[in-house]
């Protein structure tokens, strides 16, 4: 009996693999859009039920979407710009860009001339207090302001 169940499971898995192949290995924008729509549909079905087995499929397809997005030229350009220079300055610039802010919009740091000196690397850095206040204001993890490889030095 166990052998028959195993063969049935293998057959089901093979059928799943064939039908899900273009969702698991996204190669073009059409499959990317279809994958996003499938994730949205599955999320609606699952709702708040964290034990629903469909969550496994959502995670698998989400990983495929992430892999495809990392290969997109726009995303690669964004990541290159985001990781250019010191992490604290890159994060400050990212916040400015995302929220359409200027140097005058950061009372957590000081006046716009101080923000300008920090952005231009003129001997000033964001302090622990600046980072704490910015993290609270924008609801982000303070670790985002630190270089990954220097975070523990």
Foldseek 3Di string as FASTA:
>chain_A
DVVVVVVVVVVVVVVCCVVCVCLQAPDDDVSLVVLVVVLVVLCVVCPPPPPPPCVVVSVRSVVNNVVVLCPDPVSVVLVVQLPPDFQQLSVVVVVCVVVVHALCPQVQQPHSVRSVCQNVVVVDHQDPSSLVVVCVVVVHDSCSRHDPVPSVD
